[in-house]
Amino acid sequence: MDKETKEQLSLLKFNIILTLIYIGSLIFSLILTYNEELKKQKKKPLFDVKKEKIYNLDNRILIAFLTLGYFYINIKNDLKARKKGKNVKNFDLQVIASVFSFLSVIIVLYVSYQEYKDRQVNIIDIENPEL
């Protein structure tokens, strides 16, 4: 295998790892939403309020790191395409989408942090924003 093929394979493996972690994060987000549903039904929740806020914030931080990982992959693919002289329009669009995704994650992370600090309403009451 040449160096370029090895680099492509390592990016694909990194993408697989990120995707598996992201699926786990989505499942945990479902659990947090179910916990909120239990509270609304006046049933015993899975987590107390403090743990729920910590888990919610941690999950949002994880999603921010995952989004950065996808951004890294998109940048690497864009740079490789430029190096080969390929049409980079689609790669550029993916990079732009990654930037917007990261901005939205930062906003959601800020809201989750405010919730954690009891300065905002519970974001899960409004919606459960994920990428």
C-alpha atoms as a PDB file:
ATOM      1  CA  MET A   1       0.000   0.000   0.000  1.00  0.00           C
ATOM      2  CA  ASP A   2       1.193   3.453  -0.804  1.00  0.00           C
ATOM      3  CA  LYS A   3       1.195   6.343   1.656  1.00  0.00           C
ATOM      4  CA  GLU A   4      -1.965   7.933   0.217  1.00  0.00           C
ATOM      5  CA  THR A   5      -3.981   4.719   0.509  1.00  0.00           C
ATOM      6  CA  LYS A   6      -2.845   4.275   4.112  1.00  0.00           C
ATOM      7  CA  GLU A   7      -3.890   7.841   4.881  1.00  0.00           C
ATOM      8  CA  GLN A   8      -7.302   7.299   3.269  1.00  0.00           C
ATOM      9  CA  LEU A   9      -7.781   4.107   5.274  1.00  0.00           C
ATOM     10  CA  SER A  10      -6.843   5.833   8.510  1.00  0.00           C
ATOM     11  CA  LEU A  11      -9.359   8.614   7.781  1.00  0.00           C
ATOM     12  CA  LEU A  12     -12.030   6.005   7.067  1.00  0.00           C
ATOM     13  CA  LYS A  13     -11.253   4.198  10.323  1.00  0.00           C
ATOM     14  CA  PHE A  14     -11.379   7.509  12.186  1.00  0.00           C
ATOM     15  CA  ASN A  15     -14.743   8.218  10.543  1.00  0.00           C
ATOM     16  CA  ILE A  16     -16.060   4.804  11.637  1.00  0.00           C
ATOM     17  CA  ILE A  17     -14.930   5.408  15.221  1.00  0.00           C
ATOM     18  CA  LEU A  18     -16.530   8.871  15.264  1.00  0.00           C
ATOM     19  CA  THR A  19     -19.760   7.465  13.845  1.00  0.00           C
ATOM     20  CA  LEU A  20     -19.934   4.682  16.446  1.00  0.00           C
ATOM     21  CA  ILE A  21     -19.355   7.179  19.250  1.00  0.00           C
ATOM     22  CA  TYR A  22     -21.982   9.470  17.703  1.00  0.00           C
ATOM     23  CA  ILE A  23     -24.517   6.614  17.628  1.00  0.00           C
ATOM     24  CA  GLY A  24     -23.785   5.991  21.308  1.00  0.00           C
ATOM     25  CA  SER A  25     -24.293   9.676  22.017  1.00  0.00           C
ATOM     26  CA  LEU A  26     -27.639   9.641  20.203  1.00  0.00           C
ATOM     27  CA  ILE A  27     -28.767   6.608  22.201  1.00  0.00           C
ATOM     28  CA  PHE A  28     -27.788   8.365  25.409  1.00  0.00           C
ATOM     29  CA  SER A  29     -29.673  11.441  24.237  1.00  0.00           C
ATOM     30  CA  LEU A  30     -32.746   9.245  23.805  1.00  0.00           C
ATOM     31  CA  ILE A  31     -32.282   7.994  27.363  1.00  0.00           C
ATOM     32  CA  LEU A  32     -32.117  11.588  28.634  1.00  0.00           C
ATOM     33  CA  THR A  33     -35.276  12.428  26.717  1.00  0.00           C
ATOM     34  CA  TYR A  34     -37.010   9.369  28.150  1.00  0.00           C
ATOM     35  CA  ASN A  35     -35.879  10.476  31.609  1.00  0.00           C
ATOM     36  CA  GLU A  36     -37.554  13.827  30.994  1.00  0.00           C
ATOM     37  CA  GLU A  37     -40.706  12.065  29.832  1.00  0.00           C
ATOM     38  CA  LEU A  38     -40.786  10.045  33.054  1.00  0.00           C
ATOM     39  CA  LYS A  39     -40.529  13.259  35.076  1.00  0.00           C
ATOM     40  CA  LYS A  40     -43.399  14.834  33.138  1.00  0.00           C
ATOM     41  CA  GLN A  41     -45.543  11.767  33.857  1.00  0.00           C
ATOM     42  CA  LYS A  42     -44.738  12.105  37.578  1.00  0.00           C
ATOM     43  CA  LYS A  43     -42.949   8.737  37.515  1.00  0.00           C
ATOM     44  CA  LYS A  44     -39.585   7.936  39.043  1.00  0.00           C
ATOM     45  CA  PRO A  45     -36.914   9.188  36.611  1.00  0.00           C
ATOM     46  CA  LEU A  46     -33.769   7.281  35.752  1.00  0.00           C
ATOM     47  CA  PHE A  47     -31.546  10.175  36.875  1.00  0.00           C
ATOM     48  CA  ASP A  48     -31.969  12.912  39.438  1.00  0.00           C
ATOM     49  CA  VAL A  49     -31.919  16.532  38.247  1.00  0.00           C
ATOM     50  CA  LYS A  50     -28.248  17.122  39.044  1.00  0.00           C
ATOM     51  CA  LYS A  51     -27.050  13.979  37.269  1.00  0.00           C
ATOM     52  CA  GLU A  52     -29.303  14.692  34.309  1.00  0.00           C
ATOM     53  CA  LYS A  53     -27.782  18.156  33.883  1.00  0.00           C
ATOM     54  CA  ILE A  54     -24.248  16.785  34.149  1.00  0.00           C
ATOM     55  CA  TYR A  55     -24.959  13.979  31.679  1.00  0.00           C
ATOM     56  CA  ASN A  56     -26.632  16.400  29.284  1.00  0.00           C
ATOM     57  CA  LEU A  57     -23.674  18.792  29.385  1.00  0.00           C
ATOM     58  CA  ASP A  58     -21.172  15.945  29.004  1.00  0.00           C
ATOM     59  CA  ASN A  59     -23.097  14.589  26.034  1.00  0.00           C
ATOM     60  CA  ARG A  60     -23.056  18.022  24.372  1.00  0.00           C
ATOM     61  CA  ILE A  61     -19.312  18.335  24.955  1.00  0.00           C
ATOM     62  CA  LEU A  62     -18.822  14.918  23.368  1.00  0.00           C
ATOM     63  CA  ILE A  63     -20.871  16.002  20.359  1.00  0.00           C
ATOM     64  CA  ALA A  64     -18.693  19.118  20.030  1.00  0.00           C
ATOM     65  CA  PHE A  65     -15.574  16.943  19.882  1.00  0.00           C
ATOM     66  CA  LEU A  66     -17.223  14.617  17.375  1.00  0.00           C
ATOM     67  CA  THR A  67     -18.153  17.583  15.196  1.00  0.00           C
ATOM     68  CA  LEU A  68     -14.544  18.764  15.308  1.00  0.00           C
ATOM     69  CA  GLY A  69     -13.464  15.278  14.238  1.00  0.00           C
ATOM     70  CA  TYR A  70     -15.788  15.354  11.233  1.00  0.00           C
ATOM     71  CA  PHE A  71     -14.540  18.866  10.430  1.00  0.00           C
ATOM     72  CA  TYR A  72     -10.966  17.529  10.473  1.00  0.00           C
ATOM     73  CA  ILE A  73     -11.893  14.715   8.080  1.00  0.00           C
ATOM     74  CA  ASN A  74     -13.600  17.154   5.708  1.00  0.00           C
ATOM     75  CA  ILE A  75     -10.584  19.484   5.736  1.00  0.00           C
ATOM     76  CA  LYS A  76      -8.210  16.590   5.016  1.00  0.00           C
ATOM     77  CA  ASN A  77     -10.378  15.381   2.117  1.00  0.00           C
ATOM     78  CA  ASP A  78     -10.625  18.909   0.732  1.00  0.00           C
ATOM     79  CA  LEU A  79      -6.852  19.371   0.894  1.00  0.00           C
ATOM     80  CA  LYS A  80      -6.245  16.001  -0.787  1.00  0.00           C
ATOM     81  CA  ALA A  81      -8.643  16.882  -3.609  1.00  0.00           C
ATOM     82  CA  ARG A  82      -6.920  20.239  -4.115  1.00  0.00           C
ATOM     83  CA  LYS A  83      -3.539  18.525  -4.209  1.00  0.00           C
ATOM     84  CA  LYS A  84      -4.772  16.166  -6.929  1.00  0.00           C
ATOM     85  CA  GLY A  85      -6.295  19.036  -8.915  1.00  0.00           C
ATOM     86  CA  LYS A  86      -9.827  17.668  -8.591  1.00  0.00           C
ATOM     87  CA  ASN A  87     -12.995  19.729  -8.566  1.00  0.00           C
ATOM     88  CA  VAL A  88     -13.275  20.785  -4.927  1.00  0.00           C
ATOM     89  CA  LYS A  89     -16.730  22.375  -5.010  1.00  0.00           C
ATOM     90  CA  ASN A  90     -18.391  19.493  -3.132  1.00  0.00           C
ATOM     91  CA  PHE A  91     -15.525  19.262  -0.681  1.00  0.00           C
ATOM     92  CA  ASP A  92     -15.764  22.993  -0.018  1.00  0.00           C
ATOM     93  CA  LEU A  93     -19.487  22.632   0.652  1.00  0.00           C
ATOM     94  CA  GLN A  94     -18.778  19.849   3.146  1.00  0.00           C
ATOM     95  CA  VAL A  95     -16.267  22.050   4.940  1.00  0.00           C
ATOM     96  CA  ILE A  96     -18.781  24.917   5.069  1.00  0.00           C
ATOM     97  CA  ALA A  97     -21.442  22.534   6.405  1.00  0.00           C
ATOM     98  CA  SER A  98     -18.975  21.379   9.069  1.00  0.00           C
ATOM     99  CA  VAL A  99     -18.373  24.966  10.134  1.00  0.00           C
ATOM    100  CA  PHE A 100     -22.123  25.596  10.453  1.00  0.00           C
ATOM    101  CA  SER A 101     -22.553  22.318  12.327  1.00  0.00           C
ATOM    102  CA  PHE A 102     -19.844  23.294  14.767  1.00  0.00           C
ATOM    103  CA  LEU A 103     -21.412  26.717  15.292  1.00  0.00           C
ATOM    104  CA  SER A 104     -24.761  25.109  16.077  1.00  0.00           C
ATOM    105  CA  VAL A 105     -23.086  22.677  18.473  1.00  0.00           C
ATOM    106  CA  ILE A 106     -21.415  25.584  20.274  1.00  0.00           C
ATOM    107  CA  ILE A 107     -24.791  27.314  20.680  1.00  0.00           C
ATOM    108  CA  VAL A 108     -26.424  24.134  22.017  1.00  0.00           C
ATOM    109  CA  LEU A 109     -23.438  23.588  24.309  1.00  0.00           C
ATOM    110  CA  TYR A 110     -23.810  27.137  25.646  1.00  0.00           C
ATOM    111  CA  VAL A 111     -27.511  26.579  26.330  1.00  0.00           C
ATOM    112  CA  SER A 112     -26.718  23.282  28.074  1.00  0.00           C
ATOM    113  CA  TYR A 113     -24.080  25.018  30.179  1.00  0.00           C
ATOM    114  CA  GLN A 114     -26.575  27.713  31.149  1.00  0.00           C
ATOM    115  CA  GLU A 115     -29.047  24.984  32.101  1.00  0.00           C
ATOM    116  CA  TYR A 116     -26.351  23.268  34.143  1.00  0.00           C
ATOM    117  CA  LYS A 117     -25.754  26.512  35.999  1.00  0.00           C
ATOM    118  CA  ASP A 118     -29.533  26.996  36.488  1.00  0.00           C
ATOM    119  CA  ARG A 119     -29.596  30.206  34.491  1.00  0.00           C
ATOM    120  CA  GLN A 120     -31.917  28.935  31.764  1.00  0.00           C
ATOM    121  CA  VAL A 121     -35.020  26.843  31.351  1.00  0.00           C
ATOM    122  CA  ASN A 122     -34.517  23.145  30.793  1.00  0.00           C
ATOM    123  CA  ILE A 123     -33.618  22.800  27.106  1.00  0.00           C
ATOM    124  CA  ILE A 124     -35.099  19.290  27.028  1.00  0.00           C
ATOM    125  CA  ASP A 125     -38.493  20.902  27.789  1.00  0.00           C
ATOM    126  CA  ILE A 126     -38.169  22.823  24.516  1.00  0.00           C
ATOM    127  CA  GLU A 127     -36.510  20.248  22.275  1.00  0.00           C
ATOM    128  CA  ASN A 128     -33.574  17.894  22.201  1.00  0.00           C
ATOM    129  CA  PRO A 129     -31.293  19.426  19.566  1.00  0.00           C
ATOM    130  CA  GLU A 130     -28.711  17.113  18.072  1.00  0.00           C
ATOM    131  CA  LEU A 131     -26.854  17.065  14.821  1.00  0.00           C
END
